[in-house]
Amino acid sequence: MRLKQLSRTALTQIDSAPRSRQYSSSQSPPMIAASFTKGRRRAVDQPESEFHTGGGAGLFSTAPDYVTFTRMLLAGGALDGVEVLKPETVKLMSRNAIGDLNVPIVRSNNPALALEVETFPGQIKKWGLSFLINTEDIEGFRSAGSLTWGGVHNTYFWIDLKKRITVVALMQILPIGDPIVQETMIAFERALYAAIA
C-alpha cells in the first residue's frame, strides 16, 4: 500500500548523477528536488536511466513527504490507517544490529564535501538496520534509543520514540558537519525540547 500523502516521492535506479538545469525563481519546472542559490533555483530532473550502482542515490522526495515517512516510522509502521511496514519490522530496524561494535567518528578525506563529525560526542552509538541509535538520554535533548541519520548536504532527521517526536531538517549546505550548521541544529533541538518540557 502507498500513503496518499507521499505524493512526490519516488525511487528510481540511475546510472549517473541527475541532470540539472538552471531556472529563474519565477519558473515552475517539473522537478523532484530543488535548492535555491542567489535567486536562482537549481532543479534536479527525474533521472532517465535504468541502473545505478551507488548507495543512497535514486530516492527523490519533498520535505512534507519525508516528515510523513518519519511519522509513519514513529507510529510503528502505519499512518492514517495505511500499514507500510509491520510493527515488528520497525522494531527490528530500531534495534542494535552491530552487536559489540560501536559507531566511530565519521572521518573525511574531502573537506569540501564533508568534515569529520562525531554525533553525540563521548557517547556509545549503535547502528540499527536503517538508523544511527544514541544509547543514552541527552539532558535537554533527545532520548536514548532515538533514531537518526543525515545526508551530505546537511539534511537530518531524528525519531525520538520515547518522547514521540520526529524532526526533519533540510539545509542544502556543504560541507556536512559545517560548524554553523552544527550550532544551528544544537540550538534548534535544545529549543524544541525546552518547549515541550
C-alpha atoms as a PDB file:
ATOM      1  CA  MET A   1       0.000   0.000   0.000  1.00  0.00           C
ATOM      2  CA  ARG A   2       1.045   3.585  -0.524  1.00  0.00           C
ATOM      3  CA  LEU A   3       0.500   6.511   1.796  1.00  0.00           C
ATOM      4  CA  LYS A   4      -1.618   9.031  -0.086  1.00  0.00           C
ATOM      5  CA  GLN A   5       0.411  11.863   1.439  1.00  0.00           C
ATOM      6  CA  LEU A   6       3.626  10.684  -0.267  1.00  0.00           C
ATOM      7  CA  SER A   7       2.632  12.379  -3.491  1.00  0.00           C
ATOM      8  CA  ARG A   8       6.071  13.478  -4.713  1.00  0.00           C
ATOM      9  CA  THR A   9       8.274  10.590  -3.607  1.00  0.00           C
ATOM     10  CA  ALA A  10       9.808   8.081  -5.997  1.00  0.00           C
ATOM     11  CA  LEU A  11      12.678   5.629  -6.072  1.00  0.00           C
ATOM     12  CA  THR A  12      14.454   5.451  -9.389  1.00  0.00           C
ATOM     13  CA  GLN A  13      17.559   3.490 -10.273  1.00  0.00           C
ATOM     14  CA  ILE A  14      20.031   5.652 -12.182  1.00  0.00           C
ATOM     15  CA  ASP A  15      23.421   5.170 -13.803  1.00  0.00           C
ATOM     16  CA  SER A  16      24.710   8.713 -13.433  1.00  0.00           C
ATOM     17  CA  ALA A  17      24.099  11.826 -11.379  1.00  0.00           C
ATOM     18  CA  PRO A  18      20.787  13.528 -12.114  1.00  0.00           C
ATOM     19  CA  ARG A  19      20.959  16.151 -14.839  1.00  0.00           C
ATOM     20  CA  SER A  20      20.382  19.691 -13.670  1.00  0.00           C
ATOM     21  CA  ARG A  21      19.281  22.922 -15.305  1.00  0.00           C
ATOM     22  CA  GLN A  22      19.009  26.488 -14.086  1.00  0.00           C
ATOM     23  CA  TYR A  23      15.561  28.055 -13.708  1.00  0.00           C
ATOM     24  CA  SER A  24      14.610  31.535 -12.594  1.00  0.00           C
ATOM     25  CA  SER A  25      12.695  31.632  -9.325  1.00  0.00           C
ATOM     26  CA  SER A  26       9.543  32.662 -11.245  1.00  0.00           C
ATOM     27  CA  GLN A  27       9.520  29.482 -13.371  1.00  0.00           C
ATOM     28  CA  SER A  28       7.978  26.208 -12.272  1.00  0.00           C
ATOM     29  CA  PRO A  29       9.981  23.387 -13.843  1.00  0.00           C
ATOM     30  CA  PRO A  30       8.899  19.778 -13.499  1.00  0.00           C
ATOM     31  CA  MET A  31      11.170  18.810 -10.630  1.00  0.00           C
ATOM     32  CA  ILE A  32      11.621  16.346  -7.858  1.00  0.00           C
ATOM     33  CA  ALA A  33      14.061  18.323  -5.682  1.00  0.00           C
ATOM     34  CA  ALA A  34      15.400  21.855  -5.781  1.00  0.00           C
ATOM     35  CA  SER A  35      17.781  24.137  -3.982  1.00  0.00           C
ATOM     36  CA  PHE A  36      17.943  27.925  -4.065  1.00  0.00           C
ATOM     37  CA  THR A  37      21.169  29.811  -4.605  1.00  0.00           C
ATOM     38  CA  LYS A  38      21.455  33.578  -5.108  1.00  0.00           C
ATOM     39  CA  GLY A  39      17.945  33.993  -6.501  1.00  0.00           C
ATOM     40  CA  ARG A  40      18.221  31.053  -8.881  1.00  0.00           C
ATOM     41  CA  ARG A  41      16.541  27.708  -8.442  1.00  0.00           C
ATOM     42  CA  ARG A  42      18.541  24.655  -9.452  1.00  0.00           C
ATOM     43  CA  ALA A  43      16.147  21.822 -10.193  1.00  0.00           C
ATOM     44  CA  VAL A  44      17.105  18.182 -10.258  1.00  0.00           C
ATOM     45  CA  ASP A  45      15.314  16.379 -13.062  1.00  0.00           C
ATOM     46  CA  GLN A  46      13.992  12.887 -12.595  1.00  0.00           C
ATOM     47  CA  PRO A  47      16.662  10.531 -13.937  1.00  0.00           C
ATOM     48  CA  GLU A  48      16.027   8.800 -17.246  1.00  0.00           C
ATOM     49  CA  SER A  49      18.382   5.838 -16.995  1.00  0.00           C
ATOM     50  CA  GLU A  50      17.613   2.409 -15.547  1.00  0.00           C
ATOM     51  CA  PHE A  51      20.630   1.431 -13.423  1.00  0.00           C
ATOM     52  CA  HIS A  52      22.750   2.819 -10.617  1.00  0.00           C
ATOM     53  CA  THR A  53      25.442   1.181  -8.516  1.00  0.00           C
ATOM     54  CA  GLY A  54      25.884   3.809  -5.785  1.00  0.00           C
ATOM     55  CA  GLY A  55      24.180   3.542  -2.424  1.00  0.00           C
ATOM     56  CA  GLY A  56      21.667   6.142  -1.355  1.00  0.00           C
ATOM     57  CA  ALA A  57      21.003   7.628  -4.789  1.00  0.00           C
ATOM     58  CA  GLY A  58      17.764   7.435  -6.649  1.00  0.00           C
ATOM     59  CA  LEU A  59      15.370   8.469  -3.870  1.00  0.00           C
ATOM     60  CA  PHE A  60      13.641  11.730  -4.663  1.00  0.00           C
ATOM     61  CA  SER A  61      11.184  13.360  -2.329  1.00  0.00           C
ATOM     62  CA  THR A  62       9.917  16.532  -0.690  1.00  0.00           C
ATOM     63  CA  ALA A  63      10.177  17.773   2.891  1.00  0.00           C
ATOM     64  CA  PRO A  64       6.467  17.098   3.621  1.00  0.00           C
ATOM     65  CA  ASP A  65       6.784  13.538   2.290  1.00  0.00           C
ATOM     66  CA  TYR A  66       9.924  12.968   4.364  1.00  0.00           C
ATOM     67  CA  VAL A  67       8.064  14.076   7.501  1.00  0.00           C
ATOM     68  CA  THR A  68       5.144  11.796   6.588  1.00  0.00           C
ATOM     69  CA  PHE A  69       7.567   8.902   6.249  1.00  0.00           C
ATOM     70  CA  THR A  70       9.216   9.566   9.631  1.00  0.00           C
ATOM     71  CA  ARG A  71       5.772   9.950  11.231  1.00  0.00           C
ATOM     72  CA  MET A  72       4.876   6.517   9.858  1.00  0.00           C
ATOM     73  CA  LEU A  73       8.027   5.059  11.459  1.00  0.00           C
ATOM     74  CA  LEU A  74       7.253   6.861  14.743  1.00  0.00           C
ATOM     75  CA  ALA A  75       3.772   5.321  14.646  1.00  0.00           C
ATOM     76  CA  GLY A  76       5.214   1.813  14.316  1.00  0.00           C
ATOM     77  CA  GLY A  77       4.810   1.296  10.571  1.00  0.00           C
ATOM     78  CA  ALA A  78       1.321   2.613   9.856  1.00  0.00           C
ATOM     79  CA  LEU A  79      -0.129   6.075   9.371  1.00  0.00           C
ATOM     80  CA  ASP A  80      -3.668   7.251   8.686  1.00  0.00           C
ATOM     81  CA  GLY A  81      -4.903   3.671   8.503  1.00  0.00           C
ATOM     82  CA  VAL A  82      -2.283   2.520   5.986  1.00  0.00           C
ATOM     83  CA  GLU A  83       0.233  -0.112   7.097  1.00  0.00           C
ATOM     84  CA  VAL A  84       3.502   0.390   5.235  1.00  0.00           C
ATOM     85  CA  LEU A  85       5.684  -1.761   7.495  1.00  0.00           C
ATOM     86  CA  LYS A  86       4.739  -4.314  10.106  1.00  0.00           C
ATOM     87  CA  PRO A  87       5.354  -3.138  13.686  1.00  0.00           C
ATOM     88  CA  GLU A  88       7.863  -5.949  14.204  1.00  0.00           C
ATOM     89  CA  THR A  89       9.804  -4.720  11.147  1.00  0.00           C
ATOM     90  CA  VAL A  90      10.063  -1.198  12.589  1.00  0.00           C
ATOM     91  CA  LYS A  91      11.186  -2.671  15.940  1.00  0.00           C
ATOM     92  CA  LEU A  92      13.828  -4.749  14.148  1.00  0.00           C
ATOM     93  CA  MET A  93      15.025  -1.663  12.238  1.00  0.00           C
ATOM     94  CA  SER A  94      15.352   0.172  15.564  1.00  0.00           C
ATOM     95  CA  ARG A  95      17.482  -2.415  17.388  1.00  0.00           C
ATOM     96  CA  ASN A  96      21.258  -2.580  17.626  1.00  0.00           C
ATOM     97  CA  ALA A  97      22.374  -4.554  14.556  1.00  0.00           C
ATOM     98  CA  ILE A  98      26.144  -4.341  15.127  1.00  0.00           C
ATOM     99  CA  GLY A  99      26.499  -6.119  18.458  1.00  0.00           C
ATOM    100  CA  ASP A 100      29.586  -5.080  20.419  1.00  0.00           C
ATOM    101  CA  LEU A 101      30.850  -2.798  17.649  1.00  0.00           C
ATOM    102  CA  ASN A 102      30.433   0.946  18.140  1.00  0.00           C
ATOM    103  CA  VAL A 103      29.868   3.675  15.575  1.00  0.00           C
ATOM    104  CA  PRO A 104      33.093   5.701  15.329  1.00  0.00           C
ATOM    105  CA  ILE A 105      33.654   9.326  14.432  1.00  0.00           C
ATOM    106  CA  VAL A 106      32.838   9.937  10.767  1.00  0.00           C
ATOM    107  CA  ARG A 107      36.134  10.665   9.003  1.00  0.00           C
ATOM    108  CA  SER A 108      36.532  12.602   5.756  1.00  0.00           C
ATOM    109  CA  ASN A 109      39.157  12.789   3.056  1.00  0.00           C
ATOM    110  CA  ASN A 110      37.303  15.572   1.221  1.00  0.00           C
ATOM    111  CA  PRO A 111      36.715  18.619   3.479  1.00  0.00           C
ATOM    112  CA  ALA A 112      34.905  20.478   0.690  1.00  0.00           C
ATOM    113  CA  LEU A 113      32.200  17.805   0.842  1.00  0.00           C
ATOM    114  CA  ALA A 114      32.344  16.563   4.432  1.00  0.00           C
ATOM    115  CA  LEU A 115      34.058  17.485   7.681  1.00  0.00           C
ATOM    116  CA  GLU A 116      34.826  14.977  10.401  1.00  0.00           C
ATOM    117  CA  VAL A 117      31.782  14.641  12.630  1.00  0.00           C
ATOM    118  CA  GLU A 118      31.137  12.876  15.905  1.00  0.00           C
ATOM    119  CA  THR A 119      27.457  12.559  16.593  1.00  0.00           C
ATOM    120  CA  PHE A 120      26.760  12.589  20.346  1.00  0.00           C
ATOM    121  CA  PRO A 121      30.404  13.077  21.434  1.00  0.00           C
ATOM    122  CA  GLY A 122      31.556  10.786  24.207  1.00  0.00           C
ATOM    123  CA  GLN A 123      28.540   8.507  23.880  1.00  0.00           C
ATOM    124  CA  ILE A 124      28.469   4.950  22.564  1.00  0.00           C
ATOM    125  CA  LYS A 125      26.462   4.860  19.354  1.00  0.00           C
ATOM    126  CA  LYS A 126      24.970   1.833  17.640  1.00  0.00           C
ATOM    127  CA  TRP A 127      23.618   1.164  14.189  1.00  0.00           C
ATOM    128  CA  GLY A 128      20.211  -0.373  13.553  1.00  0.00           C
ATOM    129  CA  LEU A 129      19.151  -1.713  10.185  1.00  0.00           C
ATOM    130  CA  SER A 130      18.421   1.812   8.992  1.00  0.00           C
ATOM    131  CA  PHE A 131      19.449   4.321  11.649  1.00  0.00           C
ATOM    132  CA  LEU A 132      22.166   5.576  13.953  1.00  0.00           C
ATOM    133  CA  ILE A 133      20.982   4.975  17.524  1.00  0.00           C
ATOM    134  CA  ASN A 134      22.119   7.023  20.515  1.00  0.00           C
ATOM    135  CA  THR A 135      22.357   4.840  23.614  1.00  0.00           C
ATOM    136  CA  GLU A 136      21.961   7.425  26.392  1.00  0.00           C
ATOM    137  CA  ASP A 137      19.479  10.153  27.228  1.00  0.00           C
ATOM    138  CA  ILE A 138      20.894  13.561  26.413  1.00  0.00           C
ATOM    139  CA  GLU A 139      19.657  16.044  29.008  1.00  0.00           C
ATOM    140  CA  GLY A 140      17.563  18.740  27.349  1.00  0.00           C
ATOM    141  CA  PHE A 141      17.743  16.861  24.050  1.00  0.00           C
ATOM    142  CA  ARG A 142      16.624  13.534  22.598  1.00  0.00           C
ATOM    143  CA  SER A 143      16.051  10.294  24.477  1.00  0.00           C
ATOM    144  CA  ALA A 144      18.152   7.137  24.468  1.00  0.00           C
ATOM    145  CA  GLY A 145      17.088   4.878  21.623  1.00  0.00           C
ATOM    146  CA  SER A 146      16.315   7.756  19.275  1.00  0.00           C
ATOM    147  CA  LEU A 147      16.868   7.002  15.602  1.00  0.00           C
ATOM    148  CA  THR A 148      18.723   9.414  13.352  1.00  0.00           C
ATOM    149  CA  TRP A 149      20.694   9.935  10.179  1.00  0.00           C
ATOM    150  CA  GLY A 150      21.671  12.720   7.837  1.00  0.00           C
ATOM    151  CA  GLY A 151      22.674  13.461   4.296  1.00  0.00           C
ATOM    152  CA  VAL A 152      25.744  15.077   2.813  1.00  0.00           C
ATOM    153  CA  HIS A 153      24.014  18.439   2.244  1.00  0.00           C
ATOM    154  CA  ASN A 154      23.280  18.841   5.978  1.00  0.00           C
ATOM    155  CA  THR A 155      19.915  17.160   5.823  1.00  0.00           C
ATOM    156  CA  TYR A 156      18.920  15.472   9.067  1.00  0.00           C
ATOM    157  CA  PHE A 157      16.105  13.569  10.646  1.00  0.00           C
ATOM    158  CA  TRP A 158      15.539  12.000  14.005  1.00  0.00           C
ATOM    159  CA  ILE A 159      12.784   9.987  15.588  1.00  0.00           C
ATOM    160  CA  ASP A 160      12.550  10.146  19.389  1.00  0.00           C
ATOM    161  CA  LEU A 161      10.496   7.059  20.172  1.00  0.00           C
ATOM    162  CA  LYS A 162      10.177   7.818  23.920  1.00  0.00           C
ATOM    163  CA  LYS A 163       9.104  11.447  23.625  1.00  0.00           C
ATOM    164  CA  ARG A 164       7.075  10.762  20.441  1.00  0.00           C
ATOM    165  CA  ILE A 165       8.807  13.412  18.305  1.00  0.00           C
ATOM    166  CA  THR A 166      10.092  13.307  14.768  1.00  0.00           C
ATOM    167  CA  VAL A 167      12.083  16.062  13.099  1.00  0.00           C
ATOM    168  CA  VAL A 168      13.259  16.600   9.536  1.00  0.00           C
ATOM    169  CA  ALA A 169      15.693  19.472   8.900  1.00  0.00           C
ATOM    170  CA  LEU A 170      16.837  20.081   5.327  1.00  0.00           C
ATOM    171  CA  MET A 171      19.524  22.726   4.809  1.00  0.00           C
ATOM    172  CA  GLN A 172      21.249  22.034   1.460  1.00  0.00           C
ATOM    173  CA  ILE A 173      24.643  23.379   2.563  1.00  0.00           C
ATOM    174  CA  LEU A 174      28.099  21.890   2.064  1.00  0.00           C
ATOM    175  CA  PRO A 175      30.154  20.579   3.716  1.00  0.00           C
ATOM    176  CA  ILE A 176      28.283  18.226   6.008  1.00  0.00           C
ATOM    177  CA  GLY A 177      29.410  18.946   9.539  1.00  0.00           C
ATOM    178  CA  ASP A 178      29.735  22.682   8.890  1.00  0.00           C
ATOM    179  CA  PRO A 179      30.228  24.238  12.365  1.00  0.00           C
ATOM    180  CA  ILE A 180      27.496  26.856  11.872  1.00  0.00           C
ATOM    181  CA  VAL A 181      25.043  24.162  10.764  1.00  0.00           C
ATOM    182  CA  GLN A 182      26.001  22.037  13.773  1.00  0.00           C
ATOM    183  CA  GLU A 183      25.457  25.003  16.123  1.00  0.00           C
ATOM    184  CA  THR A 184      22.100  25.692  14.450  1.00  0.00           C
ATOM    185  CA  MET A 185      20.971  22.091  14.864  1.00  0.00           C
ATOM    186  CA  ILE A 186      22.014  22.023  18.543  1.00  0.00           C
ATOM    187  CA  ALA A 187      20.173  25.312  19.231  1.00  0.00           C
ATOM    188  CA  PHE A 188      17.097  24.058  17.356  1.00  0.00           C
ATOM    189  CA  GLU A 189      16.993  20.765  19.249  1.00  0.00           C
ATOM    190  CA  ARG A 190      17.545  22.487  22.603  1.00  0.00           C
ATOM    191  CA  ALA A 191      14.700  24.958  21.890  1.00  0.00           C
ATOM    192  CA  LEU A 192      12.366  22.192  20.696  1.00  0.00           C
ATOM    193  CA  TYR A 193      12.821  20.041  23.788  1.00  0.00           C
ATOM    194  CA  ALA A 194      12.625  23.069  26.096  1.00  0.00           C
ATOM    195  CA  ALA A 195       9.290  23.999  24.508  1.00  0.00           C
ATOM    196  CA  ILE A 196       7.775  20.573  25.221  1.00  0.00           C
ATOM    197  CA  ALA A 197       9.257  20.105  28.700  1.00  0.00           C
END
